[in-house]
C-alpha atoms as a PDB file:
ATOM      1  CA  MET A   1      85.868 -51.412 203.143  1.00  0.00           C
ATOM      2  CA  ALA A   2      82.268 -52.282 202.251  1.00  0.00           C
ATOM      3  CA  ASP A   3      81.318 -48.632 202.782  1.00  0.00           C
ATOM      4  CA  HIS A   4      83.738 -47.446 200.057  1.00  0.00           C
ATOM      5  CA  ASP A   5      83.413 -47.775 196.295  1.00  0.00           C
ATOM      6  CA  LEU A   6      86.927 -49.021 195.505  1.00  0.00           C
ATOM      7  CA  ALA A   7      86.443 -48.747 191.751  1.00  0.00           C
ATOM      8  CA  ALA A   8      85.398 -45.083 192.057  1.00  0.00           C
ATOM      9  CA  LEU A   9      88.346 -44.355 194.363  1.00  0.00           C
ATOM     10  CA  TRP A  10      90.821 -45.965 191.951  1.00  0.00           C
ATOM     11  CA  GLU A  11      89.292 -44.240 188.925  1.00  0.00           C
ATOM     12  CA  ALA A  12      89.584 -40.853 190.667  1.00  0.00           C
ATOM     13  CA  HIS A  13      93.237 -41.581 191.450  1.00  0.00           C
ATOM     14  CA  CYS A  14      93.960 -42.536 187.805  1.00  0.00           C
ATOM     15  CA  ARG A  15      92.022 -39.529 186.499  1.00  0.00           C
ATOM     16  CA  HIS A  16      94.316 -37.217 188.485  1.00  0.00           C
ATOM     17  CA  GLU A  17      97.403 -39.055 187.239  1.00  0.00           C
ATOM     18  CA  PHE A  18      96.545 -39.227 183.535  1.00  0.00           C
ATOM     19  CA  GLU A  19      93.807 -36.663 182.771  1.00  0.00           C
ATOM     20  CA  THR A  20      93.954 -33.679 185.137  1.00  0.00           C
ATOM     21  CA  ARG A  21      97.680 -34.357 185.715  1.00  0.00           C
ATOM     22  CA  ASP A  22      97.488 -32.950 189.214  1.00  0.00           C
ATOM     23  CA  ALA A  23     100.043 -34.286 191.706  1.00  0.00           C
ATOM     24  CA  ASP A  24      98.326 -32.766 194.748  1.00  0.00           C
ATOM     25  CA  ALA A  25      94.933 -34.196 193.763  1.00  0.00           C
ATOM     26  CA  THR A  26      96.593 -37.581 193.150  1.00  0.00           C
ATOM     27  CA  MET A  27      98.186 -37.493 196.604  1.00  0.00           C
ATOM     28  CA  ALA A  28      94.845 -36.551 198.160  1.00  0.00           C
ATOM     29  CA  THR A  29      93.501 -39.952 197.066  1.00  0.00           C
ATOM     30  CA  MET A  30      96.196 -41.741 199.100  1.00  0.00           C
ATOM     31  CA  VAL A  31      96.755 -42.623 202.772  1.00  0.00           C
ATOM     32  CA  ASP A  32      99.280 -40.656 204.845  1.00  0.00           C
ATOM     33  CA  GLU A  33     102.109 -43.144 204.236  1.00  0.00           C
ATOM     34  CA  PRO A  34     101.450 -44.722 200.813  1.00  0.00           C
ATOM     35  CA  TYR A  35     103.835 -46.565 198.579  1.00  0.00           C
ATOM     36  CA  VAL A  36     104.018 -47.285 194.858  1.00  0.00           C
ATOM     37  CA  ASN A  37     106.269 -49.845 193.176  1.00  0.00           C
ATOM     38  CA  HIS A  38     106.516 -50.085 189.385  1.00  0.00           C
ATOM     39  CA  VAL A  39     108.007 -53.554 189.610  1.00  0.00           C
ATOM     40  CA  PRO A  40     110.019 -53.832 186.332  1.00  0.00           C
ATOM     41  CA  THR A  41     111.902 -50.571 186.979  1.00  0.00           C
ATOM     42  CA  MET A  42     111.530 -50.295 190.789  1.00  0.00           C
ATOM     43  CA  THR A  43     110.282 -46.721 190.436  1.00  0.00           C
ATOM     44  CA  GLY A  44     107.722 -45.033 192.652  1.00  0.00           C
ATOM     45  CA  GLY A  45     108.354 -44.370 196.308  1.00  0.00           C
ATOM     46  CA  VAL A  46     107.546 -44.943 199.936  1.00  0.00           C
ATOM     47  CA  GLY A  47     105.919 -42.268 202.081  1.00  0.00           C
ATOM     48  CA  ARG A  48     104.113 -39.043 201.319  1.00  0.00           C
ATOM     49  CA  ASP A  49     107.167 -36.846 200.597  1.00  0.00           C
ATOM     50  CA  GLN A  50     108.888 -39.342 198.305  1.00  0.00           C
ATOM     51  CA  LEU A  51     105.677 -40.059 196.386  1.00  0.00           C
ATOM     52  CA  ARG A  52     104.732 -36.375 196.034  1.00  0.00           C
ATOM     53  CA  ARG A  53     108.207 -35.774 194.594  1.00  0.00           C
ATOM     54  CA  PHE A  54     107.844 -38.803 192.303  1.00  0.00           C
ATOM     55  CA  TYR A  55     104.385 -37.818 191.040  1.00  0.00           C
ATOM     56  CA  LYS A  56     105.182 -34.126 190.625  1.00  0.00           C
ATOM     57  CA  HIS A  57     108.617 -34.345 188.989  1.00  0.00           C
ATOM     58  CA  HIS A  58     108.894 -37.813 187.441  1.00  0.00           C
ATOM     59  CA  PHE A  59     105.472 -39.253 186.643  1.00  0.00           C
ATOM     60  CA  ILE A  60     102.533 -36.982 185.917  1.00  0.00           C
ATOM     61  CA  HIS A  61     104.234 -34.368 183.746  1.00  0.00           C
ATOM     62  CA  GLY A  62     106.707 -36.814 182.186  1.00  0.00           C
ATOM     63  CA  ASN A  63     104.043 -38.939 180.533  1.00  0.00           C
ATOM     64  CA  PRO A  64     103.528 -38.418 176.796  1.00  0.00           C
ATOM     65  CA  ALA A  65     100.451 -36.350 175.927  1.00  0.00           C
ATOM     66  CA  ASP A  66      98.798 -39.301 174.176  1.00  0.00           C
ATOM     67  CA  MET A  67      99.338 -41.818 177.007  1.00  0.00           C
ATOM     68  CA  ARG A  68      96.157 -43.720 177.765  1.00  0.00           C
ATOM     69  CA  LEU A  69      95.069 -46.826 179.605  1.00  0.00           C
ATOM     70  CA  VAL A  70      92.645 -49.191 177.878  1.00  0.00           C
ATOM     71  CA  PRO A  71      90.717 -51.243 180.462  1.00  0.00           C
ATOM     72  CA  VAL A  72      90.631 -55.019 179.936  1.00  0.00           C
ATOM     73  CA  SER A  73      89.416 -56.534 183.205  1.00  0.00           C
ATOM     74  CA  ARG A  74      88.947 -55.632 186.855  1.00  0.00           C
ATOM     75  CA  THR A  75      88.665 -57.748 189.970  1.00  0.00           C
ATOM     76  CA  VAL A  76      87.365 -56.010 193.092  1.00  0.00           C
ATOM     77  CA  GLY A  77      87.851 -57.492 196.543  1.00  0.00           C
ATOM     78  CA  THR A  78      87.032 -56.146 199.990  1.00  0.00           C
ATOM     79  CA  ASP A  79      90.138 -53.941 200.200  1.00  0.00           C
ATOM     80  CA  GLN A  80      91.941 -54.462 196.891  1.00  0.00           C
ATOM     81  CA  ILE A  81      91.519 -54.056 193.141  1.00  0.00           C
ATOM     82  CA  VAL A  82      93.397 -55.847 190.382  1.00  0.00           C
ATOM     83  CA  ASP A  83      93.161 -53.956 187.109  1.00  0.00           C
ATOM     84  CA  GLU A  84      94.325 -55.399 183.798  1.00  0.00           C
ATOM     85  CA  MET A  85      94.808 -52.803 181.074  1.00  0.00           C
ATOM     86  CA  VAL A  86      96.806 -51.911 178.004  1.00  0.00           C
ATOM     87  CA  CYS A  87      99.046 -48.852 178.245  1.00  0.00           C
ATOM     88  CA  CYS A  88      99.358 -47.031 174.905  1.00  0.00           C
ATOM     89  CA  PHE A  89     101.587 -44.062 174.076  1.00  0.00           C
ATOM     90  CA  THR A  90     104.037 -42.537 171.647  1.00  0.00           C
ATOM     91  CA  HIS A  91     107.502 -42.285 173.189  1.00  0.00           C
ATOM     92  CA  THR A  92     107.793 -38.497 172.813  1.00  0.00           C
ATOM     93  CA  SER A  93     109.303 -37.801 176.245  1.00  0.00           C
ATOM     94  CA  GLU A  94     111.637 -39.537 178.662  1.00  0.00           C
ATOM     95  CA  ILE A  95     109.305 -41.610 180.832  1.00  0.00           C
ATOM     96  CA  ASP A  96     111.188 -41.826 184.120  1.00  0.00           C
ATOM     97  CA  TRP A  97     108.955 -44.512 185.627  1.00  0.00           C
ATOM     98  CA  MET A  98     108.813 -46.877 182.637  1.00  0.00           C
ATOM     99  CA  LEU A  99     111.871 -46.064 180.527  1.00  0.00           C
ATOM    100  CA  PRO A 100     114.292 -44.305 182.896  1.00  0.00           C
ATOM    101  CA  GLY A 101     117.288 -42.877 181.062  1.00  0.00           C
ATOM    102  CA  VAL A 102     115.897 -43.725 177.608  1.00  0.00           C
ATOM    103  CA  PRO A 103     115.601 -40.620 175.394  1.00  0.00           C
ATOM    104  CA  PRO A 104     112.395 -40.280 173.340  1.00  0.00           C
ATOM    105  CA  THR A 105     112.359 -42.451 170.228  1.00  0.00           C
ATOM    106  CA  GLY A 106     109.069 -41.273 168.700  1.00  0.00           C
ATOM    107  CA  ARG A 107     107.901 -44.889 168.506  1.00  0.00           C
ATOM    108  CA  LYS A 108     104.465 -46.167 169.460  1.00  0.00           C
ATOM    109  CA  VAL A 109     104.158 -48.523 172.423  1.00  0.00           C
ATOM    110  CA  GLU A 110     101.321 -50.816 173.474  1.00  0.00           C
ATOM    111  CA  VAL A 111     101.913 -53.026 176.489  1.00  0.00           C
ATOM    112  CA  PRO A 112      99.655 -54.970 178.851  1.00  0.00           C
ATOM    113  CA  LEU A 113      99.888 -53.668 182.398  1.00  0.00           C
ATOM    114  CA  VAL A 114      98.500 -55.011 185.678  1.00  0.00           C
ATOM    115  CA  ALA A 115      97.912 -52.911 188.792  1.00  0.00           C
ATOM    116  CA  ILE A 116      97.334 -54.433 192.208  1.00  0.00           C
ATOM    117  CA  VAL A 117      95.965 -51.662 194.387  1.00  0.00           C
ATOM    118  CA  HIS A 118      95.361 -51.942 198.138  1.00  0.00           C
ATOM    119  CA  PHE A 119      93.037 -49.533 199.985  1.00  0.00           C
ATOM    120  CA  ARG A 120      92.840 -48.478 203.607  1.00  0.00           C
ATOM    121  CA  ASP A 121      90.303 -46.098 205.140  1.00  0.00           C
ATOM    122  CA  GLY A 122      88.855 -45.172 201.753  1.00  0.00           C
ATOM    123  CA  LYS A 123      92.192 -44.238 200.178  1.00  0.00           C
ATOM    124  CA  VAL A 124      94.923 -45.868 198.094  1.00  0.00           C
ATOM    125  CA  ALA A 125      97.506 -47.435 200.419  1.00  0.00           C
ATOM    126  CA  HIS A 126      99.797 -49.059 197.876  1.00  0.00           C
ATOM    127  CA  GLU A 127     100.161 -49.971 194.211  1.00  0.00           C
ATOM    128  CA  HIS A 128     102.190 -52.750 192.634  1.00  0.00           C
ATOM    129  CA  ILE A 129     102.315 -52.201 188.859  1.00  0.00           C
ATOM    130  CA  TYR A 130     103.612 -54.904 186.486  1.00  0.00           C
ATOM    131  CA  TRP A 131     104.345 -54.959 182.741  1.00  0.00           C
ATOM    132  CA  ASP A 132     106.643 -56.794 180.326  1.00  0.00           C
ATOM    133  CA  GLN A 133     109.674 -54.521 180.128  1.00  0.00           C
ATOM    134  CA  ALA A 134     111.285 -56.548 177.327  1.00  0.00           C
ATOM    135  CA  SER A 135     108.251 -55.910 175.099  1.00  0.00           C
ATOM    136  CA  VAL A 136     108.491 -52.171 175.849  1.00  0.00           C
ATOM    137  CA  LEU A 137     112.224 -52.115 175.059  1.00  0.00           C
ATOM    138  CA  VAL A 138     111.649 -53.937 171.758  1.00  0.00           C
ATOM    139  CA  GLN A 139     108.982 -51.413 170.746  1.00  0.00           C
ATOM    140  CA  VAL A 140     111.231 -48.382 171.424  1.00  0.00           C
ATOM    141  CA  GLY A 141     114.139 -50.013 169.577  1.00  0.00           C
ATOM    142  CA  LYS A 142     116.403 -50.610 172.591  1.00  0.00           C
ATOM    143  CA  LEU A 143     116.245 -54.427 172.473  1.00  0.00           C
ATOM    144  CA  ASP A 144     116.537 -56.645 169.425  1.00  0.00           C
ATOM    145  CA  ALA A 145     113.925 -59.385 169.713  1.00  0.00           C
ATOM    146  CA  GLU A 146     115.685 -61.581 167.163  1.00  0.00           C
ATOM    147  CA  GLY A 147     116.230 -64.973 168.752  1.00  0.00           C
ATOM    148  CA  LEU A 148     114.530 -63.933 172.015  1.00  0.00           C
ATOM    149  CA  PRO A 149     111.089 -64.994 173.264  1.00  0.00           C
ATOM    150  CA  VAL A 150     109.758 -61.421 173.237  1.00  0.00           C
ATOM    151  CA  ALA A 151     106.542 -60.481 171.432  1.00  0.00           C
ATOM    152  CA  GLY A 152     106.543 -56.650 171.579  1.00  0.00           C
ATOM    153  CA  SER A 153     103.201 -54.978 170.805  1.00  0.00           C
ATOM    154  CA  ASP A 154     101.670 -58.340 169.854  1.00  0.00           C
ATOM    155  CA  THR A 155     101.286 -58.922 173.608  1.00  0.00           C
ATOM    156  CA  ALA A 156      98.806 -56.026 173.794  1.00  0.00           C
ATOM    157  CA  ARG A 157      96.910 -57.139 170.705  1.00  0.00           C
ATOM    158  CA  LYS A 158      96.561 -60.680 172.125  1.00  0.00           C
ATOM    159  CA  VAL A 159      95.187 -59.328 175.434  1.00  0.00           C
ATOM    160  CA  LEU A 160      92.617 -57.250 173.529  1.00  0.00           C
ATOM    161  CA  ASP A 161      91.742 -59.967 170.979  1.00  0.00           C
ATOM    162  CA  LYS A 162      91.895 -63.639 171.980  1.00  0.00           C
ATOM    163  CA  GLU A 163      91.701 -64.628 168.289  1.00  0.00           C
ATOM    164  CA  GLN A 164      95.260 -63.385 167.687  1.00  0.00           C
ATOM    165  CA  PRO A 165      97.601 -66.338 167.140  1.00  0.00           C
ATOM    166  CA  SER A 166      99.085 -68.193 170.103  1.00  0.00           C
ATOM    167  CA  ASN A 167     102.439 -69.963 170.350  1.00  0.00           C
ATOM    168  CA  THR A 168     104.164 -67.904 167.647  1.00  0.00           C
ATOM    169  CA  LEU A 169     107.387 -67.773 169.674  1.00  0.00           C
ATOM    170  CA  MET A 170     107.508 -71.544 170.148  1.00  0.00           C
ATOM    171  CA  ARG A 171     109.867 -72.826 167.437  1.00  0.00           C
ATOM    172  CA  ARG A 172     108.742 -76.397 168.022  1.00  0.00           C
ATOM    173  CA  TRP A 173     104.982 -75.703 168.042  1.00  0.00           C
ATOM    174  CA  ASN A 174     104.465 -77.241 164.603  1.00  0.00           C
ATOM    175  CA  THR A 175     106.071 -80.528 165.721  1.00  0.00           C
ATOM    176  CA  SER A 176     102.964 -81.347 167.765  1.00  0.00           C
ATOM    177  CA  GLU A 177     100.597 -80.828 164.818  1.00  0.00           C
ATOM    178  CA  GLY A 178      98.419 -83.909 164.334  1.00  0.00           C
ATOM    179  CA  ARG A 179      99.844 -85.753 167.331  1.00  0.00           C
ATOM    180  CA  PRO A 180      97.382 -87.609 169.581  1.00  0.00           C
ATOM    181  CA  LEU A 181      95.873 -85.556 172.337  1.00  0.00           C
END
């Protein structure tokens, strides 16, 4: 894949998903038999017809108007990209791919997201997308974090700013204070 600019290919794909919101243009960036798996919710699809249906009716036009991806880091290999980003939005619509069956809550969400994207013949062949679903559910009010090791939007802030506190969910963290290293 040395003759293809993987970053430019991936950015074009994302631009069609989130900016131009054009399902046909998104599909044009993909191989003939692509697949997408949003791992926490198992949404996406396998094959051109299933993915066109997914993009057109359940992804592109279902995303809130203010949804944006904030880049954090990118690793580019010979035929694959790993993108780390923060997904930010206000939950103003039912988001079939991330919050299937959850009516809009009007709450703000910030969650780290990782995309592993494989390319073949200058096009996207598959995407595996990961995020912390518990942190999303806490932010939209569908999961009570009390007593659970779930950090909510703090996960996004920590990814964007390493100076944010660590170990806040560890009840026993203070017991190691001053102990020999």
